[in-house]
Amino acid sequence: MLKCEYIILKLSLNDYICNKYTGCVPTANYKLNTIQKMEELVSKIKTEFEALATDANLQIEKGNKAAGTRARKSSLDLEKLLKEFRKASLEASKK
């Protein structure tokens, strides 16, 4: 098995040889793994957004300064995840 960006590809012997000597990636596995990567990113985005909403509400309602700091950090992390999702989405649409 080869590990490719957090996703493990299960390759047949022919696919392994093709990948090892030519660098090609089997199309069926590649598309499947791109979709899995997008699903993983959506899950992370949902989790991060929930954390942002919780901390932002704590800052607004109770004036909690630490929650404001966490909310700002979550917004930066969310921005990175959204950029990754955009790249994965464009990559999936090209194949």
C-alpha atoms as a PDB file:
ATOM      1  CA  MET A   1       0.000   0.000   0.000  1.00  0.00           C
ATOM      2  CA  LEU A   2       1.103   3.532  -0.721  1.00  0.00           C
ATOM      3  CA  LYS A   3       0.235   6.482   1.477  1.00  0.00           C
ATOM      4  CA  CYS A   4      -0.891   9.549  -0.424  1.00  0.00           C
ATOM      5  CA  GLU A   5      -1.858  12.739   1.465  1.00  0.00           C
ATOM      6  CA  TYR A   6      -3.424  11.069   4.519  1.00  0.00           C
ATOM      7  CA  ILE A   7      -5.276   8.526   2.360  1.00  0.00           C
ATOM      8  CA  ILE A   8      -4.072   4.968   1.918  1.00  0.00           C
ATOM      9  CA  LEU A   9      -4.387   3.590  -1.592  1.00  0.00           C
ATOM     10  CA  LYS A  10      -4.897  -0.131  -2.009  1.00  0.00           C
ATOM     11  CA  LEU A  11      -3.165  -0.982  -5.252  1.00  0.00           C
ATOM     12  CA  SER A  12      -3.023  -4.146  -7.260  1.00  0.00           C
ATOM     13  CA  LEU A  13       0.368  -5.442  -8.352  1.00  0.00           C
ATOM     14  CA  ASN A  14      -0.018  -3.886 -11.825  1.00  0.00           C
ATOM     15  CA  ASP A  15      -1.007  -0.543 -10.347  1.00  0.00           C
ATOM     16  CA  TYR A  16       1.944  -0.683  -7.944  1.00  0.00           C
ATOM     17  CA  ILE A  17       4.402  -1.405 -10.772  1.00  0.00           C
ATOM     18  CA  CYS A  18       2.868   1.334 -12.907  1.00  0.00           C
ATOM     19  CA  ASN A  19       3.139   3.814 -10.040  1.00  0.00           C
ATOM     20  CA  LYS A  20       6.664   2.808  -9.061  1.00  0.00           C
ATOM     21  CA  TYR A  21       8.210   3.021 -12.533  1.00  0.00           C
ATOM     22  CA  THR A  22       6.141   5.675 -14.284  1.00  0.00           C
ATOM     23  CA  GLY A  23       4.636   7.677 -11.437  1.00  0.00           C
ATOM     24  CA  CYS A  24       1.098   7.278 -12.762  1.00  0.00           C
ATOM     25  CA  VAL A  25      -1.837   7.003 -10.378  1.00  0.00           C
ATOM     26  CA  PRO A  26      -4.725   4.642 -11.143  1.00  0.00           C
ATOM     27  CA  THR A  27      -7.689   6.823 -12.139  1.00  0.00           C
ATOM     28  CA  ALA A  28     -10.416   4.958 -10.236  1.00  0.00           C
ATOM     29  CA  ASN A  29      -8.501   5.046  -6.939  1.00  0.00           C
ATOM     30  CA  TYR A  30      -7.483   8.644  -7.526  1.00  0.00           C
ATOM     31  CA  LYS A  31     -11.070   9.852  -7.986  1.00  0.00           C
ATOM     32  CA  LEU A  32     -12.275   7.869  -5.008  1.00  0.00           C
ATOM     33  CA  ASN A  33      -9.525   9.258  -2.812  1.00  0.00           C
ATOM     34  CA  THR A  34     -10.174  12.824  -3.984  1.00  0.00           C
ATOM     35  CA  ILE A  35     -13.793  12.442  -2.924  1.00  0.00           C
ATOM     36  CA  GLN A  36     -12.713  10.952   0.414  1.00  0.00           C
ATOM     37  CA  LYS A  37     -10.357  13.883   0.928  1.00  0.00           C
ATOM     38  CA  MET A  38     -13.173  16.345   0.209  1.00  0.00           C
ATOM     39  CA  GLU A  39     -15.485  14.543   2.653  1.00  0.00           C
ATOM     40  CA  GLU A  40     -12.780  14.657   5.315  1.00  0.00           C
ATOM     41  CA  LEU A  41     -12.281  18.386   4.705  1.00  0.00           C
ATOM     42  CA  VAL A  42     -16.030  19.072   4.951  1.00  0.00           C
ATOM     43  CA  SER A  43     -16.097  17.256   8.275  1.00  0.00           C
ATOM     44  CA  LYS A  44     -13.155  19.321   9.566  1.00  0.00           C
ATOM     45  CA  ILE A  45     -14.778  22.540   8.300  1.00  0.00           C
ATOM     46  CA  LYS A  46     -18.009  21.745  10.180  1.00  0.00           C
ATOM     47  CA  THR A  47     -16.107  21.028  13.390  1.00  0.00           C
ATOM     48  CA  GLU A  48     -14.019  24.184  13.108  1.00  0.00           C
ATOM     49  CA  PHE A  49     -17.071  26.321  12.361  1.00  0.00           C
ATOM     50  CA  GLU A  50     -18.859  24.965  15.435  1.00  0.00           C
ATOM     51  CA  ALA A  51     -15.828  25.866  17.563  1.00  0.00           C
ATOM     52  CA  LEU A  52     -15.764  29.355  16.021  1.00  0.00           C
ATOM     53  CA  ALA A  53     -19.479  29.906  16.684  1.00  0.00           C
ATOM     54  CA  THR A  54     -19.197  28.712  20.283  1.00  0.00           C
ATOM     55  CA  ASP A  55     -16.208  30.918  21.094  1.00  0.00           C
ATOM     56  CA  ALA A  56     -17.619  33.937  19.269  1.00  0.00           C
ATOM     57  CA  ASN A  57     -20.868  33.652  21.231  1.00  0.00           C
ATOM     58  CA  LEU A  58     -18.941  33.428  24.510  1.00  0.00           C
ATOM     59  CA  GLN A  59     -17.069  36.600  23.633  1.00  0.00           C
ATOM     60  CA  ILE A  60     -20.208  38.469  22.559  1.00  0.00           C
ATOM     61  CA  GLU A  61     -22.465  37.365  25.409  1.00  0.00           C
ATOM     62  CA  LYS A  62     -20.059  37.226  28.338  1.00  0.00           C
ATOM     63  CA  GLY A  63     -17.124  39.352  27.186  1.00  0.00           C
ATOM     64  CA  ASN A  64     -14.757  36.385  27.498  1.00  0.00           C
ATOM     65  CA  LYS A  65     -11.425  37.607  26.059  1.00  0.00           C
ATOM     66  CA  ALA A  66      -9.870  34.130  25.851  1.00  0.00           C
ATOM     67  CA  ALA A  67     -12.860  32.944  23.830  1.00  0.00           C
ATOM     68  CA  GLY A  68     -12.257  35.848  21.437  1.00  0.00           C
ATOM     69  CA  THR A  69      -8.667  34.718  20.948  1.00  0.00           C
ATOM     70  CA  ARG A  70      -9.825  31.144  20.291  1.00  0.00           C
ATOM     71  CA  ALA A  71     -12.460  32.425  17.844  1.00  0.00           C
ATOM     72  CA  ARG A  72      -9.863  34.386  15.887  1.00  0.00           C
ATOM     73  CA  LYS A  73      -7.587  31.339  15.759  1.00  0.00           C
ATOM     74  CA  SER A  74     -10.521  29.201  14.579  1.00  0.00           C
ATOM     75  CA  SER A  75     -11.286  31.713  11.829  1.00  0.00           C
ATOM     76  CA  LEU A  76      -7.712  31.441  10.532  1.00  0.00           C
ATOM     77  CA  ASP A  77      -7.843  27.628  10.663  1.00  0.00           C
ATOM     78  CA  LEU A  78     -11.202  27.688   8.891  1.00  0.00           C
ATOM     79  CA  GLU A  79      -9.737  29.868   6.145  1.00  0.00           C
ATOM     80  CA  LYS A  80      -6.953  27.319   5.561  1.00  0.00           C
ATOM     81  CA  LEU A  81      -9.423  24.430   5.429  1.00  0.00           C
ATOM     82  CA  LEU A  82     -11.636  26.276   2.946  1.00  0.00           C
ATOM     83  CA  LYS A  83      -8.636  26.917   0.697  1.00  0.00           C
ATOM     84  CA  GLU A  84      -7.729  23.215   0.852  1.00  0.00           C
ATOM     85  CA  PHE A  85     -11.308  22.291  -0.031  1.00  0.00           C
ATOM     86  CA  ARG A  86     -11.236  24.646  -3.013  1.00  0.00           C
ATOM     87  CA  LYS A  87      -8.042  23.022  -4.296  1.00  0.00           C
ATOM     88  CA  ALA A  88      -9.432  19.508  -3.820  1.00  0.00           C
ATOM     89  CA  SER A  89     -12.698  20.473  -5.503  1.00  0.00           C
ATOM     90  CA  LEU A  90     -10.919  21.918  -8.531  1.00  0.00           C
ATOM     91  CA  GLU A  91      -8.679  18.863  -8.705  1.00  0.00           C
ATOM     92  CA  ALA A  92     -11.695  16.535  -8.609  1.00  0.00           C
ATOM     93  CA  SER A  93     -13.479  18.447 -11.349  1.00  0.00           C
ATOM     94  CA  LYS A  94     -10.456  18.197 -13.675  1.00  0.00           C
ATOM     95  CA  LYS A  95     -10.291  14.403 -13.523  1.00  0.00           C
END
